[in-house]
């Protein structure tokens, strides 16, 4: 099996431990089905009213398939929304990386309409 520590996106509480039955999932022989089963297990574990659709590492990297996961990883699951950082450092990094694309801010030119 594989052990993961799961918390809902944006939550700061303790992560819940999930023991995922890899052998049973592997019987499907389909990586995307396996990943869907994992998300389903997360939905059940955290008793989410909406199904979880996306998974992120705790610094915000999106996990799209089993191969991206390491055993014992802490992951955040979301019902479709983008990653919500819960610590200031990650939030600042994300803001900074968004800023870097726009090195200069174009001020709207007010002077055009006189």
C-alpha atoms as a PDB file:
ATOM      1  CA  UNK A   1       0.000   0.000   0.000  1.00  0.00           C
ATOM      2  CA  UNK A   2       0.909   3.660  -0.160  1.00  0.00           C
ATOM      3  CA  UNK A   3       0.601   6.079   2.731  1.00  0.00           C
ATOM      4  CA  UNK A   4      -0.204   9.721   2.041  1.00  0.00           C
ATOM      5  CA  UNK A   5      -1.005  12.615   4.351  1.00  0.00           C
ATOM      6  CA  UNK A   6      -3.989  14.469   2.980  1.00  0.00           C
ATOM      7  CA  UNK A   7      -5.530  17.820   3.738  1.00  0.00           C
ATOM      8  CA  UNK A   8      -8.134  19.882   1.945  1.00  0.00           C
ATOM      9  CA  UNK A   9      -6.831  22.760  -0.158  1.00  0.00           C
ATOM     10  CA  UNK A  10      -6.374  25.898   1.951  1.00  0.00           C
ATOM     11  CA  UNK A  11      -6.783  24.074   5.269  1.00  0.00           C
ATOM     12  CA  UNK A  12      -4.120  24.457   7.919  1.00  0.00           C
ATOM     13  CA  UNK A  13      -5.172  21.668  10.281  1.00  0.00           C
ATOM     14  CA  UNK A  14      -3.387  18.361  10.710  1.00  0.00           C
ATOM     15  CA  UNK A  15      -3.317  16.212   7.605  1.00  0.00           C
ATOM     16  CA  UNK A  16      -5.267  12.937   7.665  1.00  0.00           C
ATOM     17  CA  UNK A  17      -3.390   9.748   6.935  1.00  0.00           C
ATOM     18  CA  UNK A  18      -4.574   7.738   3.950  1.00  0.00           C
ATOM     19  CA  UNK A  19      -3.510   4.133   3.362  1.00  0.00           C
ATOM     20  CA  UNK A  20      -4.163   3.493  -0.296  1.00  0.00           C
ATOM     21  CA  UNK A  21      -4.451  -0.079  -1.518  1.00  0.00           C
ATOM     22  CA  UNK A  22      -2.139   0.074  -4.500  1.00  0.00           C
ATOM     23  CA  UNK A  23      -2.432  -3.599  -5.377  1.00  0.00           C
ATOM     24  CA  UNK A  24      -6.182  -3.386  -5.756  1.00  0.00           C
ATOM     25  CA  UNK A  25      -5.956  -0.153  -7.754  1.00  0.00           C
ATOM     26  CA  UNK A  26      -3.239  -1.598  -9.991  1.00  0.00           C
ATOM     27  CA  UNK A  27      -5.655  -4.349 -11.086  1.00  0.00           C
ATOM     28  CA  UNK A  28      -7.410  -1.747 -13.213  1.00  0.00           C
ATOM     29  CA  UNK A  29      -4.195  -1.488 -15.253  1.00  0.00           C
ATOM     30  CA  UNK A  30      -5.126   2.088 -16.038  1.00  0.00           C
ATOM     31  CA  UNK A  31      -3.124   4.930 -14.504  1.00  0.00           C
ATOM     32  CA  UNK A  32      -5.907   7.500 -14.865  1.00  0.00           C
ATOM     33  CA  UNK A  33      -8.440   5.176 -13.221  1.00  0.00           C
ATOM     34  CA  UNK A  34      -5.972   4.534 -10.402  1.00  0.00           C
ATOM     35  CA  UNK A  35      -5.543   8.261  -9.856  1.00  0.00           C
ATOM     36  CA  UNK A  36      -9.328   8.766  -9.900  1.00  0.00           C
ATOM     37  CA  UNK A  37      -9.627   6.022  -7.256  1.00  0.00           C
ATOM     38  CA  UNK A  38      -7.051   7.813  -5.134  1.00  0.00           C
ATOM     39  CA  UNK A  39      -8.983  11.094  -5.343  1.00  0.00           C
ATOM     40  CA  UNK A  40     -12.153   9.180  -4.456  1.00  0.00           C
ATOM     41  CA  UNK A  41     -10.444   7.771  -1.367  1.00  0.00           C
ATOM     42  CA  UNK A  42      -9.371  11.290  -0.374  1.00  0.00           C
ATOM     43  CA  UNK A  43     -12.965  12.506  -0.774  1.00  0.00           C
ATOM     44  CA  UNK A  44     -14.132   9.690   1.512  1.00  0.00           C
ATOM     45  CA  UNK A  45     -11.345  10.227   4.051  1.00  0.00           C
ATOM     46  CA  UNK A  46     -11.990  13.952   4.456  1.00  0.00           C
ATOM     47  CA  UNK A  47     -15.764  13.498   4.141  1.00  0.00           C
ATOM     48  CA  UNK A  48     -15.929  16.211   1.499  1.00  0.00           C
ATOM     49  CA  UNK A  49     -19.417  17.107   0.255  1.00  0.00           C
ATOM     50  CA  UNK A  50     -17.906  17.661  -3.205  1.00  0.00           C
ATOM     51  CA  UNK A  51     -15.584  15.178  -4.917  1.00  0.00           C
ATOM     52  CA  UNK A  52     -11.921  16.079  -5.025  1.00  0.00           C
ATOM     53  CA  UNK A  53     -10.636  16.533  -8.574  1.00  0.00           C
ATOM     54  CA  UNK A  54      -7.099  17.865  -8.188  1.00  0.00           C
ATOM     55  CA  UNK A  55      -4.080  17.132  -6.019  1.00  0.00           C
ATOM     56  CA  UNK A  56      -1.082  19.284  -5.130  1.00  0.00           C
ATOM     57  CA  UNK A  57       2.106  18.878  -3.166  1.00  0.00           C
ATOM     58  CA  UNK A  58       2.223  21.133  -0.123  1.00  0.00           C
ATOM     59  CA  UNK A  59       4.224  23.778  -2.012  1.00  0.00           C
ATOM     60  CA  UNK A  60       1.699  23.929  -4.834  1.00  0.00           C
ATOM     61  CA  UNK A  61       3.068  21.605  -7.533  1.00  0.00           C
ATOM     62  CA  UNK A  62       0.118  19.841  -9.142  1.00  0.00           C
ATOM     63  CA  UNK A  63       0.148  16.049  -9.094  1.00  0.00           C
ATOM     64  CA  UNK A  64      -1.401  14.680 -12.234  1.00  0.00           C
ATOM     65  CA  UNK A  65      -0.526  11.008 -11.995  1.00  0.00           C
ATOM     66  CA  UNK A  66       0.689   8.355  -9.608  1.00  0.00           C
ATOM     67  CA  UNK A  67       4.258   8.613 -10.874  1.00  0.00           C
ATOM     68  CA  UNK A  68       4.465  12.162  -9.427  1.00  0.00           C
ATOM     69  CA  UNK A  69       3.799  10.895  -5.908  1.00  0.00           C
ATOM     70  CA  UNK A  70       6.323   9.780  -3.344  1.00  0.00           C
ATOM     71  CA  UNK A  71       5.197   7.534  -0.488  1.00  0.00           C
ATOM     72  CA  UNK A  72       4.491   9.430   2.716  1.00  0.00           C
ATOM     73  CA  UNK A  73       4.046  12.713   0.857  1.00  0.00           C
ATOM     74  CA  UNK A  74       1.780  15.418   2.250  1.00  0.00           C
ATOM     75  CA  UNK A  75      -0.747  16.460  -0.375  1.00  0.00           C
ATOM     76  CA  UNK A  76      -3.570  18.990  -0.703  1.00  0.00           C
ATOM     77  CA  UNK A  77      -6.696  18.016  -2.584  1.00  0.00           C
ATOM     78  CA  UNK A  78      -9.108  20.440  -4.214  1.00  0.00           C
ATOM     79  CA  UNK A  79     -12.566  20.136  -5.713  1.00  0.00           C
ATOM     80  CA  UNK A  80     -11.279  21.840  -8.868  1.00  0.00           C
ATOM     81  CA  UNK A  81      -9.943  25.173  -7.695  1.00  0.00           C
ATOM     82  CA  UNK A  82      -6.280  26.190  -7.915  1.00  0.00           C
ATOM     83  CA  UNK A  83      -3.843  25.621  -5.066  1.00  0.00           C
ATOM     84  CA  UNK A  84      -4.335  27.881  -2.031  1.00  0.00           C
ATOM     85  CA  UNK A  85      -1.085  28.421  -0.126  1.00  0.00           C
ATOM     86  CA  UNK A  86      -1.464  28.326   3.641  1.00  0.00           C
ATOM     87  CA  UNK A  87       1.946  29.617   4.619  1.00  0.00           C
ATOM     88  CA  UNK A  88       3.158  33.127   3.926  1.00  0.00           C
ATOM     89  CA  UNK A  89       6.396  32.089   2.238  1.00  0.00           C
ATOM     90  CA  UNK A  90       4.639  29.969  -0.388  1.00  0.00           C
ATOM     91  CA  UNK A  91       2.088  32.717  -0.960  1.00  0.00           C
ATOM     92  CA  UNK A  92       4.837  35.278  -1.496  1.00  0.00           C
ATOM     93  CA  UNK A  93       6.683  32.961  -3.885  1.00  0.00           C
ATOM     94  CA  UNK A  94       3.521  32.483  -5.892  1.00  0.00           C
ATOM     95  CA  UNK A  95       2.857  36.218  -6.027  1.00  0.00           C
ATOM     96  CA  UNK A  96       6.461  36.824  -7.012  1.00  0.00           C
ATOM     97  CA  UNK A  97       6.321  34.311  -9.844  1.00  0.00           C
ATOM     98  CA  UNK A  98       3.129  35.949 -11.092  1.00  0.00           C
ATOM     99  CA  UNK A  99       4.824  39.355 -10.900  1.00  0.00           C
ATOM    100  CA  UNK A 100       7.921  38.246 -12.782  1.00  0.00           C
ATOM    101  CA  UNK A 101       5.959  37.887 -16.014  1.00  0.00           C
ATOM    102  CA  UNK A 102       5.073  41.563 -15.841  1.00  0.00           C
ATOM    103  CA  UNK A 103       8.391  43.285 -15.338  1.00  0.00           C
ATOM    104  CA  UNK A 104       7.021  46.708 -16.152  1.00  0.00           C
ATOM    105  CA  UNK A 105       3.619  47.973 -15.246  1.00  0.00           C
ATOM    106  CA  UNK A 106       2.035  50.046 -17.969  1.00  0.00           C
ATOM    107  CA  UNK A 107       0.212  52.941 -16.394  1.00  0.00           C
ATOM    108  CA  UNK A 108      -2.948  53.828 -18.269  1.00  0.00           C
ATOM    109  CA  UNK A 109      -2.322  57.112 -20.013  1.00  0.00           C
ATOM    110  CA  UNK A 110      -4.872  59.547 -18.649  1.00  0.00           C
ATOM    111  CA  UNK A 111      -3.571  62.276 -20.903  1.00  0.00           C
ATOM    112  CA  UNK A 112      -5.109  60.889 -24.068  1.00  0.00           C
ATOM    113  CA  UNK A 113      -8.623  62.256 -23.533  1.00  0.00           C
ATOM    114  CA  UNK A 114      -8.585  66.035 -23.109  1.00  0.00           C
END
